[in-house]
Amino acid sequence: MKRNNIILTGFMGSGKTSVGVRLSYRLRMPVEDTDKMIERRAGRSVSELFEEEGEACFRERETALLRELLDRKGRCIYSVGGGTPVRPRNQELLKQLGKVVYLRVKPETVYQRLKEDDTRPLLQCPDPLGRIRELMESRKEAYEACADLVLDADDLDVDETMEKIAEEMNKMKILVINGPNINFLGIREKSVYGTQDYEYLVDMIRKKAEETGNEILVFQSNHEGAVIDRIQEAYFDGTEGIVINPGAYTHYSYAIRDALASITVPKVEIHISDITRREPFRKVSVTAPACDKQIYGKGLDGYLQAIDLILNRRAGHK
């Protein structure tokens, strides 16, 4: 499951350390620099480790540290080394560790900031600006692959960068899952489900996301396995709340019930019609016990009520 940490990535000189300290005060979270953590444990500087062990061994140390941090309790801001995301395994670990922010800067910005710094082993060469361009280009794809947020930080001061990150971190990621036949809204049993089509529902949820400033994703499938796969994916992708209308699977899919029970985020089961006033089989939900709340009989507005329940819970309301 994705941890509730903030990970600052980017090339050397992108401002990770300064931003991390300011963000720590702003969000009242501790901050750690992974390079400094490695140095303390090894009793040697990064430059010395590069010289004595080589870059490959240093990258192994980074990977081992990231694995260890996954088991840490509590929230933290981590500023990671510029080369950490290059390893595909590290990209996976970073994404699991928390929300990853990539501070993107231009090579010229890095050069101006670091041209007098002789502690950077990768820049000890005849053409440091050329080396910076080469390294940044080679790492660009890796940085972007694991980033939840990309910030162009060249023209931002530390406080501006910090505020943009704090604002982004306050957003909530909610997943709305619709099961079989929900895509047939407006076609299927209009007297029960209404005349508005599925696109109307998706647009309504999109507007809710815009109004609240949160990320609300919508997924629909007529296949049980696809619904289970999407629930499991939510375990890893930072989803903080799930609204689900399992459709007919509500009444017999213990597999979906088990998938929901595996996810500890707030979950609300939603039904457009009043299932308590319909056929006897619809009155039974095997998935509801794995959710925190069940809403039914409110029409499409029930989706908005479910989203509000999750947002209010995050805000500390009952």
C-alpha atoms as a PDB file:
ATOM      1  CA  MET A   1       0.000   0.000   0.000  1.00  0.00           C
ATOM      2  CA  LYS A   2       1.224   3.466  -0.819  1.00  0.00           C
ATOM      3  CA  ARG A   3       2.506   5.214   2.340  1.00  0.00           C
ATOM      4  CA  ASN A   4       1.491   8.724   3.298  1.00  0.00           C
ATOM      5  CA  ASN A   5       4.960  10.225   2.856  1.00  0.00           C
ATOM      6  CA  ILE A   6       6.209  12.941   0.508  1.00  0.00           C
ATOM      7  CA  ILE A   7       9.183  12.087  -1.698  1.00  0.00           C
ATOM      8  CA  LEU A   8      11.189  14.882  -3.319  1.00  0.00           C
ATOM      9  CA  THR A   9      13.092  13.823  -6.430  1.00  0.00           C
ATOM     10  CA  GLY A  10      15.046  15.703  -9.052  1.00  0.00           C
ATOM     11  CA  PHE A  11      18.521  16.375 -10.308  1.00  0.00           C
ATOM     12  CA  MET A  12      21.219  17.638  -7.964  1.00  0.00           C
ATOM     13  CA  GLY A  13      20.745  21.347  -7.368  1.00  0.00           C
ATOM     14  CA  SER A  14      16.996  21.248  -8.020  1.00  0.00           C
ATOM     15  CA  GLY A  15      16.267  22.483  -4.494  1.00  0.00           C
ATOM     16  CA  LYS A  16      15.148  19.253  -2.838  1.00  0.00           C
ATOM     17  CA  THR A  17      16.971  19.906   0.440  1.00  0.00           C
ATOM     18  CA  SER A  18      15.823  23.521   0.869  1.00  0.00           C
ATOM     19  CA  VAL A  19      12.262  22.749  -0.141  1.00  0.00           C
ATOM     20  CA  GLY A  20      12.186  19.713   2.153  1.00  0.00           C
ATOM     21  CA  VAL A  21      13.144  21.793   5.184  1.00  0.00           C
ATOM     22  CA  ARG A  22      10.547  24.499   4.444  1.00  0.00           C
ATOM     23  CA  LEU A  23       7.891  21.899   3.715  1.00  0.00           C
ATOM     24  CA  SER A  24       8.699  20.198   7.004  1.00  0.00           C
ATOM     25  CA  TYR A  25       7.807  23.373   8.924  1.00  0.00           C
ATOM     26  CA  ARG A  26       4.753  24.006   6.737  1.00  0.00           C
ATOM     27  CA  LEU A  27       3.246  20.525   7.147  1.00  0.00           C
ATOM     28  CA  ARG A  28       4.733  19.737  10.568  1.00  0.00           C
ATOM     29  CA  MET A  29       6.364  16.594   9.260  1.00  0.00           C
ATOM     30  CA  PRO A  30       9.917  15.355   9.866  1.00  0.00           C
ATOM     31  CA  VAL A  31      12.304  15.497   6.913  1.00  0.00           C
ATOM     32  CA  GLU A  32      15.140  13.140   5.984  1.00  0.00           C
ATOM     33  CA  ASP A  33      17.780  13.319   3.255  1.00  0.00           C
ATOM     34  CA  THR A  34      18.524   9.780   2.054  1.00  0.00           C
ATOM     35  CA  ASP A  35      22.080  10.686   1.009  1.00  0.00           C
ATOM     36  CA  LYS A  36      22.728  11.963   4.543  1.00  0.00           C
ATOM     37  CA  MET A  37      21.209   8.797   6.009  1.00  0.00           C
ATOM     38  CA  ILE A  38      23.568   6.669   3.928  1.00  0.00           C
ATOM     39  CA  GLU A  39      26.532   8.829   4.903  1.00  0.00           C
ATOM     40  CA  ARG A  40      25.746   8.492   8.633  1.00  0.00           C
ATOM     41  CA  ARG A  41      25.482   4.721   8.400  1.00  0.00           C
ATOM     42  CA  ALA A  42      28.602   4.300   6.292  1.00  0.00           C
ATOM     43  CA  GLY A  43      30.642   6.833   8.237  1.00  0.00           C
ATOM     44  CA  ARG A  44      31.790   8.263   4.908  1.00  0.00           C
ATOM     45  CA  SER A  45      30.656  10.976   2.518  1.00  0.00           C
ATOM     46  CA  VAL A  46      28.890  10.270  -0.773  1.00  0.00           C
ATOM     47  CA  SER A  47      32.048  11.368  -2.598  1.00  0.00           C
ATOM     48  CA  GLU A  48      34.138   8.918  -0.599  1.00  0.00           C
ATOM     49  CA  LEU A  49      31.661   6.088  -1.189  1.00  0.00           C
ATOM     50  CA  PHE A  50      31.706   6.763  -4.932  1.00  0.00           C
ATOM     51  CA  GLU A  51      35.487   6.792  -4.958  1.00  0.00           C
ATOM     52  CA  GLU A  52      35.998   3.728  -2.761  1.00  0.00           C
ATOM     53  CA  GLU A  53      33.055   1.504  -3.778  1.00  0.00           C
ATOM     54  CA  GLY A  54      31.899   2.831  -7.134  1.00  0.00           C
ATOM     55  CA  GLU A  55      28.497   4.068  -8.216  1.00  0.00           C
ATOM     56  CA  ALA A  56      26.945   0.588  -8.517  1.00  0.00           C
ATOM     57  CA  CYS A  57      27.573  -0.184  -4.841  1.00  0.00           C
ATOM     58  CA  PHE A  58      26.206   3.190  -3.813  1.00  0.00           C
ATOM     59  CA  ARG A  59      22.997   2.502  -5.787  1.00  0.00           C
ATOM     60  CA  GLU A  60      22.666  -0.805  -3.921  1.00  0.00           C
ATOM     61  CA  ARG A  61      22.810   1.128  -0.664  1.00  0.00           C
ATOM     62  CA  GLU A  62      20.015   3.401  -1.930  1.00  0.00           C
ATOM     63  CA  THR A  63      17.777   0.467  -2.824  1.00  0.00           C
ATOM     64  CA  ALA A  64      18.349  -1.230   0.532  1.00  0.00           C
ATOM     65  CA  LEU A  65      17.483   1.994   2.361  1.00  0.00           C
ATOM     66  CA  LEU A  66      14.247   2.477   0.397  1.00  0.00           C
ATOM     67  CA  ARG A  67      13.154  -1.065   1.273  1.00  0.00           C
ATOM     68  CA  GLU A  68      13.824  -0.336   4.917  1.00  0.00           C
ATOM     69  CA  LEU A  69      11.879   2.936   4.842  1.00  0.00           C
ATOM     70  CA  LEU A  70       8.762   1.090   3.633  1.00  0.00           C
ATOM     71  CA  ASP A  71       8.521  -0.475   7.098  1.00  0.00           C
ATOM     72  CA  ARG A  72       8.783   2.817   8.978  1.00  0.00           C
ATOM     73  CA  LYS A  73       5.758   4.100  10.853  1.00  0.00           C
ATOM     74  CA  GLY A  74       4.472   7.666  10.641  1.00  0.00           C
ATOM     75  CA  ARG A  75       4.663  10.316   7.935  1.00  0.00           C
ATOM     76  CA  CYS A  76       7.907  11.815   6.687  1.00  0.00           C
ATOM     77  CA  ILE A  77       9.325  13.963   3.895  1.00  0.00           C
ATOM     78  CA  TYR A  78      12.195  12.244   2.088  1.00  0.00           C
ATOM     79  CA  SER A  79      14.633  14.075  -0.172  1.00  0.00           C
ATOM     80  CA  VAL A  80      16.341  11.441  -2.318  1.00  0.00           C
ATOM     81  CA  GLY A  81      19.552  11.497  -4.295  1.00  0.00           C
ATOM     82  CA  GLY A  82      19.479  12.676  -7.884  1.00  0.00           C
ATOM     83  CA  GLY A  83      20.302   9.222  -9.255  1.00  0.00           C
ATOM     84  CA  THR A  84      17.959   7.233  -7.028  1.00  0.00           C
ATOM     85  CA  PRO A  85      15.014   7.002  -9.488  1.00  0.00           C
ATOM     86  CA  VAL A  86      17.219   5.711 -12.332  1.00  0.00           C
ATOM     87  CA  ARG A  87      16.902   2.108 -11.171  1.00  0.00           C
ATOM     88  CA  PRO A  88      13.498   0.630 -12.194  1.00  0.00           C
ATOM     89  CA  ARG A  89      13.295  -1.154  -8.832  1.00  0.00           C
ATOM     90  CA  ASN A  90      13.807   2.142  -7.035  1.00  0.00           C
ATOM     91  CA  GLN A  91      10.994   3.716  -9.045  1.00  0.00           C
ATOM     92  CA  GLU A  92       8.628   1.048  -7.738  1.00  0.00           C
ATOM     93  CA  LEU A  93       9.843   1.518  -4.173  1.00  0.00           C
ATOM     94  CA  LEU A  94       9.525   5.314  -4.358  1.00  0.00           C
ATOM     95  CA  LYS A  95       5.940   5.051  -5.596  1.00  0.00           C
ATOM     96  CA  GLN A  96       5.102   2.689  -2.743  1.00  0.00           C
ATOM     97  CA  LEU A  97       6.831   4.929  -0.211  1.00  0.00           C
ATOM     98  CA  GLY A  98       4.624   7.980  -0.823  1.00  0.00           C
ATOM     99  CA  LYS A  99       3.589  10.776  -3.158  1.00  0.00           C
ATOM    100  CA  VAL A 100       6.532  11.557  -5.396  1.00  0.00           C
ATOM    101  CA  VAL A 101       7.238  15.171  -6.378  1.00  0.00           C
ATOM    102  CA  TYR A 102       9.709  15.765  -9.212  1.00  0.00           C
ATOM    103  CA  LEU A 103      11.359  19.193  -9.038  1.00  0.00           C
ATOM    104  CA  ARG A 104      12.230  19.791 -12.687  1.00  0.00           C
ATOM    105  CA  VAL A 105      14.853  22.414 -13.530  1.00  0.00           C
ATOM    106  CA  LYS A 106      16.908  23.342 -16.595  1.00  0.00           C
ATOM    107  CA  PRO A 107      20.574  22.331 -16.943  1.00  0.00           C
ATOM    108  CA  GLU A 108      21.624  25.995 -16.876  1.00  0.00           C
ATOM    109  CA  THR A 109      19.885  26.473 -13.527  1.00  0.00           C
ATOM    110  CA  VAL A 110      21.737  23.501 -12.053  1.00  0.00           C
ATOM    111  CA  TYR A 111      25.065  24.750 -13.392  1.00  0.00           C
ATOM    112  CA  GLN A 112      24.617  28.213 -11.889  1.00  0.00           C
ATOM    113  CA  ARG A 113      23.732  26.716  -8.529  1.00  0.00           C
ATOM    114  CA  LEU A 114      26.520  24.122  -8.414  1.00  0.00           C
ATOM    115  CA  LYS A 115      29.433  25.519 -10.422  1.00  0.00           C
ATOM    116  CA  GLU A 116      31.402  26.334  -7.232  1.00  0.00           C
ATOM    117  CA  ASP A 117      30.465  23.070  -5.462  1.00  0.00           C
ATOM    118  CA  ASP A 118      33.348  20.582  -5.495  1.00  0.00           C
ATOM    119  CA  THR A 119      31.521  17.933  -3.445  1.00  0.00           C
ATOM    120  CA  ARG A 120      29.542  16.520  -6.396  1.00  0.00           C
ATOM    121  CA  PRO A 121      31.526  13.531  -7.735  1.00  0.00           C
ATOM    122  CA  LEU A 122      29.578  13.273 -10.984  1.00  0.00           C
ATOM    123  CA  LEU A 123      30.445  16.865 -11.919  1.00  0.00           C
ATOM    124  CA  GLN A 124      34.192  16.649 -11.465  1.00  0.00           C
ATOM    125  CA  CYS A 125      34.969  16.826 -15.187  1.00  0.00           C
ATOM    126  CA  PRO A 126      36.261  19.346 -17.794  1.00  0.00           C
ATOM    127  CA  ASP A 127      32.756  20.227 -19.043  1.00  0.00           C
ATOM    128  CA  PRO A 128      30.319  20.200 -16.074  1.00  0.00           C
ATOM    129  CA  LEU A 129      27.465  21.903 -17.975  1.00  0.00           C
ATOM    130  CA  GLY A 130      27.718  19.345 -20.754  1.00  0.00           C
ATOM    131  CA  ARG A 131      27.780  16.565 -18.159  1.00  0.00           C
ATOM    132  CA  ILE A 132      24.700  18.037 -16.478  1.00  0.00           C
ATOM    133  CA  ARG A 133      22.809  18.123 -19.798  1.00  0.00           C
ATOM    134  CA  GLU A 134      23.823  14.538 -20.562  1.00  0.00           C
ATOM    135  CA  LEU A 135      22.809  13.203 -17.150  1.00  0.00           C
ATOM    136  CA  MET A 136      19.524  15.108 -17.009  1.00  0.00           C
ATOM    137  CA  GLU A 137      18.494  13.836 -20.429  1.00  0.00           C
ATOM    138  CA  SER A 138      19.337  10.260 -19.477  1.00  0.00           C
ATOM    139  CA  ARG A 139      17.338  10.525 -16.232  1.00  0.00           C
ATOM    140  CA  LYS A 140      14.343  12.485 -17.517  1.00  0.00           C
ATOM    141  CA  GLU A 141      12.212   9.426 -18.292  1.00  0.00           C
ATOM    142  CA  ALA A 142      12.986   7.836 -14.919  1.00  0.00           C
ATOM    143  CA  TYR A 143      12.069  10.988 -12.987  1.00  0.00           C
ATOM    144  CA  GLU A 144       8.764  11.355 -14.805  1.00  0.00           C
ATOM    145  CA  ALA A 145       7.898   7.654 -14.575  1.00  0.00           C
ATOM    146  CA  CYS A 146       7.634   7.660 -10.789  1.00  0.00           C
ATOM    147  CA  ALA A 147       6.306  11.194 -10.242  1.00  0.00           C
ATOM    148  CA  ASP A 148       2.835  11.948  -8.930  1.00  0.00           C
ATOM    149  CA  LEU A 149       3.540  15.662  -9.408  1.00  0.00           C
ATOM    150  CA  VAL A 150       5.984  17.431 -11.718  1.00  0.00           C
ATOM    151  CA  LEU A 151       6.896  21.006 -10.775  1.00  0.00           C
ATOM    152  CA  ASP A 152       8.944  23.273 -13.030  1.00  0.00           C
ATOM    153  CA  ALA A 153      10.989  24.953 -10.303  1.00  0.00           C
ATOM    154  CA  ASP A 154      13.362  27.208 -12.281  1.00  0.00           C
ATOM    155  CA  ASP A 155      11.353  30.384 -11.717  1.00  0.00           C
ATOM    156  CA  LEU A 156       9.957  29.496  -8.288  1.00  0.00           C
ATOM    157  CA  ASP A 157      11.597  30.422  -5.023  1.00  0.00           C
ATOM    158  CA  VAL A 158      11.671  27.949  -2.152  1.00  0.00           C
ATOM    159  CA  ASP A 159       8.474  29.219  -0.524  1.00  0.00           C
ATOM    160  CA  GLU A 160       6.536  29.216  -3.801  1.00  0.00           C
ATOM    161  CA  THR A 161       7.633  25.661  -4.504  1.00  0.00           C
ATOM    162  CA  MET A 162       6.759  24.611  -0.980  1.00  0.00           C
ATOM    163  CA  GLU A 163       3.255  26.107  -1.201  1.00  0.00           C
ATOM    164  CA  LYS A 164       2.531  24.411  -4.525  1.00  0.00           C
ATOM    165  CA  ILE A 165       3.533  21.053  -3.078  1.00  0.00           C
ATOM    166  CA  ALA A 166       1.488  21.607   0.091  1.00  0.00           C
ATOM    167  CA  GLU A 167      -1.558  22.511  -2.001  1.00  0.00           C
ATOM    168  CA  GLU A 168      -1.163  19.423  -4.166  1.00  0.00           C
ATOM    169  CA  MET A 169      -0.695  17.140  -1.165  1.00  0.00           C
ATOM    170  CA  ASN A 170      -4.002  18.333   0.289  1.00  0.00           C
ATOM    171  CA  LYS A 171      -5.845  16.896  -2.700  1.00  0.00           C
ATOM    172  CA  MET A 172      -7.528  13.550  -2.184  1.00  0.00           C
ATOM    173  CA  LYS A 173      -7.538  10.696  -4.687  1.00  0.00           C
ATOM    174  CA  ILE A 174     -10.878   8.891  -4.863  1.00  0.00           C
ATOM    175  CA  LEU A 175     -11.806   5.987  -7.108  1.00  0.00           C
ATOM    176  CA  VAL A 176     -15.384   5.418  -8.308  1.00  0.00           C
ATOM    177  CA  ILE A 177     -15.967   1.850  -9.536  1.00  0.00           C
ATOM    178  CA  ASN A 178     -19.049   0.833 -11.496  1.00  0.00           C
ATOM    179  CA  GLY A 179     -19.879  -2.796 -12.130  1.00  0.00           C
ATOM    180  CA  PRO A 180     -21.925  -4.555 -14.807  1.00  0.00           C
ATOM    181  CA  ASN A 181     -24.645  -2.754 -16.764  1.00  0.00           C
ATOM    182  CA  ILE A 182     -24.012   0.636 -15.150  1.00  0.00           C
ATOM    183  CA  ASN A 183     -22.738   1.715 -18.566  1.00  0.00           C
ATOM    184  CA  PHE A 184     -26.312   1.101 -19.807  1.00  0.00           C
ATOM    185  CA  LEU A 185     -27.802   3.923 -17.768  1.00  0.00           C
ATOM    186  CA  GLY A 186     -30.467   5.696 -19.814  1.00  0.00           C
ATOM    187  CA  ILE A 187     -31.104   2.463 -21.700  1.00  0.00           C
ATOM    188  CA  ARG A 188     -31.709  -0.066 -18.955  1.00  0.00           C
ATOM    189  CA  GLU A 189     -34.998   0.002 -16.980  1.00  0.00           C
ATOM    190  CA  LYS A 190     -35.510   3.750 -17.107  1.00  0.00           C
ATOM    191  CA  SER A 191     -38.350   3.574 -14.583  1.00  0.00           C
ATOM    192  CA  VAL A 192     -35.862   2.237 -12.019  1.00  0.00           C
ATOM    193  CA  TYR A 193     -32.555   3.887 -12.942  1.00  0.00           C
ATOM    194  CA  GLY A 194     -33.710   7.101 -14.601  1.00  0.00           C
ATOM    195  CA  THR A 195     -33.200   8.547 -18.069  1.00  0.00           C
ATOM    196  CA  GLN A 196     -29.730  10.071 -17.633  1.00  0.00           C
ATOM    197  CA  ASP A 197     -27.031   8.096 -19.430  1.00  0.00           C
ATOM    198  CA  TYR A 198     -23.637   6.943 -18.183  1.00  0.00           C
ATOM    199  CA  GLU A 199     -21.816   9.905 -19.710  1.00  0.00           C
ATOM    200  CA  TYR A 200     -24.031  12.169 -17.625  1.00  0.00           C
ATOM    201  CA  LEU A 201     -22.873  10.325 -14.490  1.00  0.00           C
ATOM    202  CA  VAL A 202     -19.200  10.543 -15.474  1.00  0.00           C
ATOM    203  CA  ASP A 203     -19.556  14.261 -16.227  1.00  0.00           C
ATOM    204  CA  MET A 204     -21.301  14.843 -12.905  1.00  0.00           C
ATOM    205  CA  ILE A 205     -18.405  13.211 -11.053  1.00  0.00           C
ATOM    206  CA  ARG A 206     -15.870  15.177 -13.104  1.00  0.00           C
ATOM    207  CA  LYS A 207     -17.567  18.430 -12.090  1.00  0.00           C
ATOM    208  CA  LYS A 208     -17.494  17.286  -8.465  1.00  0.00           C
ATOM    209  CA  ALA A 209     -13.739  16.785  -8.762  1.00  0.00           C
ATOM    210  CA  GLU A 210     -13.303  20.286 -10.190  1.00  0.00           C
ATOM    211  CA  GLU A 211     -15.493  21.877  -7.505  1.00  0.00           C
ATOM    212  CA  THR A 212     -13.683  20.179  -4.627  1.00  0.00           C
ATOM    213  CA  GLY A 213     -10.176  20.343  -6.117  1.00  0.00           C
ATOM    214  CA  ASN A 214      -9.660  16.606  -5.715  1.00  0.00           C
ATOM    215  CA  GLU A 215      -8.711  13.792  -8.071  1.00  0.00           C
ATOM    216  CA  ILE A 216     -11.714  11.538  -8.682  1.00  0.00           C
ATOM    217  CA  LEU A 217     -11.253   8.688 -11.147  1.00  0.00           C
ATOM    218  CA  VAL A 218     -14.087   6.652 -12.676  1.00  0.00           C
ATOM    219  CA  PHE A 219     -13.800   3.018 -13.741  1.00  0.00           C
ATOM    220  CA  GLN A 220     -16.471   0.717 -15.182  1.00  0.00           C
ATOM    221  CA  SER A 221     -16.409  -2.921 -16.237  1.00  0.00           C
ATOM    222  CA  ASN A 222     -18.883  -5.698 -16.906  1.00  0.00           C
ATOM    223  CA  HIS A 223     -16.304  -8.276 -15.837  1.00  0.00           C
ATOM    224  CA  GLU A 224     -15.757  -9.440 -12.274  1.00  0.00           C
ATOM    225  CA  GLY A 225     -12.014  -9.996 -12.664  1.00  0.00           C
ATOM    226  CA  ALA A 226     -11.485  -6.489 -14.066  1.00  0.00           C
ATOM    227  CA  VAL A 227     -13.272  -4.973 -11.065  1.00  0.00           C
ATOM    228  CA  ILE A 228     -11.083  -7.021  -8.705  1.00  0.00           C
ATOM    229  CA  ASP A 229      -7.940  -6.016 -10.596  1.00  0.00           C
ATOM    230  CA  ARG A 230      -8.869  -2.337 -10.304  1.00  0.00           C
ATOM    231  CA  ILE A 231      -9.518  -2.626  -6.561  1.00  0.00           C
ATOM    232  CA  GLN A 232      -6.141  -4.299  -6.098  1.00  0.00           C
ATOM    233  CA  GLU A 233      -4.459  -1.611  -8.182  1.00  0.00           C
ATOM    234  CA  ALA A 234      -5.914   0.978  -5.804  1.00  0.00           C
ATOM    235  CA  TYR A 235      -3.838  -0.582  -3.032  1.00  0.00           C
ATOM    236  CA  PHE A 236      -0.659   0.599  -4.771  1.00  0.00           C
ATOM    237  CA  ASP A 237      -1.588   3.793  -6.615  1.00  0.00           C
ATOM    238  CA  GLY A 238      -2.324   6.135  -3.717  1.00  0.00           C
ATOM    239  CA  THR A 239      -6.127   5.861  -3.780  1.00  0.00           C
ATOM    240  CA  GLU A 240      -7.498   7.267  -0.511  1.00  0.00           C
ATOM    241  CA  GLY A 241     -11.179   6.384  -0.848  1.00  0.00           C
ATOM    242  CA  ILE A 242     -13.391   4.079  -2.934  1.00  0.00           C
ATOM    243  CA  VAL A 243     -17.001   4.516  -4.048  1.00  0.00           C
ATOM    244  CA  ILE A 244     -18.337   1.322  -5.591  1.00  0.00           C
ATOM    245  CA  ASN A 245     -21.554   0.278  -7.292  1.00  0.00           C
ATOM    246  CA  PRO A 246     -20.940  -3.444  -7.822  1.00  0.00           C
ATOM    247  CA  GLY A 247     -24.153  -3.874  -9.800  1.00  0.00           C
ATOM    248  CA  ALA A 248     -25.430  -7.452  -9.692  1.00  0.00           C
ATOM    249  CA  TYR A 249     -22.113  -8.589  -8.186  1.00  0.00           C
ATOM    250  CA  THR A 250     -23.378  -6.963  -4.983  1.00  0.00           C
ATOM    251  CA  HIS A 251     -25.474 -10.018  -4.265  1.00  0.00           C
ATOM    252  CA  TYR A 252     -23.047 -12.877  -4.854  1.00  0.00           C
ATOM    253  CA  SER A 253     -19.439 -11.826  -5.558  1.00  0.00           C
ATOM    254  CA  TYR A 254     -17.459 -12.872  -2.527  1.00  0.00           C
ATOM    255  CA  ALA A 255     -14.359 -12.332  -4.649  1.00  0.00           C
ATOM    256  CA  ILE A 256     -15.115  -8.601  -4.924  1.00  0.00           C
ATOM    257  CA  ARG A 257     -16.011  -8.577  -1.234  1.00  0.00           C
ATOM    258  CA  ASP A 258     -12.596 -10.053  -0.383  1.00  0.00           C
ATOM    259  CA  ALA A 259     -10.810  -7.529  -2.607  1.00  0.00           C
ATOM    260  CA  LEU A 260     -12.595  -4.647  -0.878  1.00  0.00           C
ATOM    261  CA  ALA A 261     -11.745  -6.084   2.533  1.00  0.00           C
ATOM    262  CA  SER A 262      -8.067  -6.032   1.563  1.00  0.00           C
ATOM    263  CA  ILE A 263      -8.072  -2.240   1.160  1.00  0.00           C
ATOM    264  CA  THR A 264      -8.127  -0.201   4.370  1.00  0.00           C
ATOM    265  CA  VAL A 265      -9.158   3.155   2.849  1.00  0.00           C
ATOM    266  CA  PRO A 266     -12.723   4.464   3.387  1.00  0.00           C
ATOM    267  CA  LYS A 267     -15.196   2.643   1.128  1.00  0.00           C
ATOM    268  CA  VAL A 268     -18.830   3.441   0.333  1.00  0.00           C
ATOM    269  CA  GLU A 269     -21.181   1.100  -1.528  1.00  0.00           C
ATOM    270  CA  ILE A 270     -23.698   2.927  -3.705  1.00  0.00           C
ATOM    271  CA  HIS A 271     -26.918   1.812  -5.407  1.00  0.00           C
ATOM    272  CA  ILE A 272     -29.023   4.090  -7.575  1.00  0.00           C
ATOM    273  CA  SER A 273     -32.335   2.402  -6.741  1.00  0.00           C
ATOM    274  CA  ASP A 274     -33.763   1.521  -3.339  1.00  0.00           C
ATOM    275  CA  ILE A 275     -32.670  -2.105  -3.167  1.00  0.00           C
ATOM    276  CA  THR A 276     -34.757  -2.674  -0.007  1.00  0.00           C
ATOM    277  CA  ARG A 277     -37.964  -2.212  -2.032  1.00  0.00           C
ATOM    278  CA  ARG A 278     -37.073  -4.456  -4.949  1.00  0.00           C
ATOM    279  CA  GLU A 279     -36.783  -8.189  -5.600  1.00  0.00           C
ATOM    280  CA  PRO A 280     -35.767 -10.286  -2.573  1.00  0.00           C
ATOM    281  CA  PHE A 281     -32.325 -11.157  -4.001  1.00  0.00           C
ATOM    282  CA  ARG A 282     -31.450  -7.455  -4.304  1.00  0.00           C
ATOM    283  CA  LYS A 283     -31.910  -6.934  -0.575  1.00  0.00           C
ATOM    284  CA  VAL A 284     -28.810  -9.027   0.130  1.00  0.00           C
ATOM    285  CA  SER A 285     -25.356  -7.478  -0.254  1.00  0.00           C
ATOM    286  CA  VAL A 286     -22.293  -9.611   0.324  1.00  0.00           C
ATOM    287  CA  THR A 287     -20.036  -6.634  -0.472  1.00  0.00           C
ATOM    288  CA  ALA A 288     -21.533  -4.065   1.925  1.00  0.00           C
ATOM    289  CA  PRO A 289     -19.922  -5.600   5.057  1.00  0.00           C
ATOM    290  CA  ALA A 290     -16.504  -4.832   3.515  1.00  0.00           C
ATOM    291  CA  CYS A 291     -17.478  -1.156   3.155  1.00  0.00           C
ATOM    292  CA  ASP A 292     -17.890   1.589   5.755  1.00  0.00           C
ATOM    293  CA  LYS A 293     -21.265   2.776   4.493  1.00  0.00           C
ATOM    294  CA  GLN A 294     -24.033   1.848   2.073  1.00  0.00           C
ATOM    295  CA  ILE A 295     -26.118   4.429   0.217  1.00  0.00           C
ATOM    296  CA  TYR A 296     -29.169   3.439  -1.837  1.00  0.00           C
ATOM    297  CA  GLY A 297     -32.300   4.955  -3.307  1.00  0.00           C
ATOM    298  CA  LYS A 298     -30.804   8.423  -3.848  1.00  0.00           C
ATOM    299  CA  GLY A 299     -30.452   8.193  -7.625  1.00  0.00           C
ATOM    300  CA  LEU A 300     -27.259   9.469  -9.171  1.00  0.00           C
ATOM    301  CA  ASP A 301     -26.949  11.986  -6.326  1.00  0.00           C
ATOM    302  CA  GLY A 302     -25.981   9.027  -4.161  1.00  0.00           C
ATOM    303  CA  TYR A 303     -22.566   9.084  -5.826  1.00  0.00           C
ATOM    304  CA  LEU A 304     -22.039  12.690  -4.748  1.00  0.00           C
ATOM    305  CA  GLN A 305     -23.159  11.861  -1.213  1.00  0.00           C
ATOM    306  CA  ALA A 306     -20.701   8.968  -1.108  1.00  0.00           C
ATOM    307  CA  ILE A 307     -17.853  11.205  -2.289  1.00  0.00           C
ATOM    308  CA  ASP A 308     -18.765  13.801   0.349  1.00  0.00           C
ATOM    309  CA  LEU A 309     -18.704  11.126   3.055  1.00  0.00           C
ATOM    310  CA  ILE A 310     -15.156  10.192   2.121  1.00  0.00           C
ATOM    311  CA  LEU A 311     -14.005  13.809   1.866  1.00  0.00           C
ATOM    312  CA  ASN A 312     -15.578  14.677   5.221  1.00  0.00           C
ATOM    313  CA  ARG A 313     -13.964  11.687   6.875  1.00  0.00           C
ATOM    314  CA  ARG A 314     -10.581  12.847   5.590  1.00  0.00           C
ATOM    315  CA  ALA A 315     -11.309  16.330   6.968  1.00  0.00           C
ATOM    316  CA  GLY A 316     -12.039  14.862  10.395  1.00  0.00           C
ATOM    317  CA  HIS A 317     -15.824  15.043  10.343  1.00  0.00           C
ATOM    318  CA  LYS A 318     -18.077  12.170  11.324  1.00  0.00           C
END
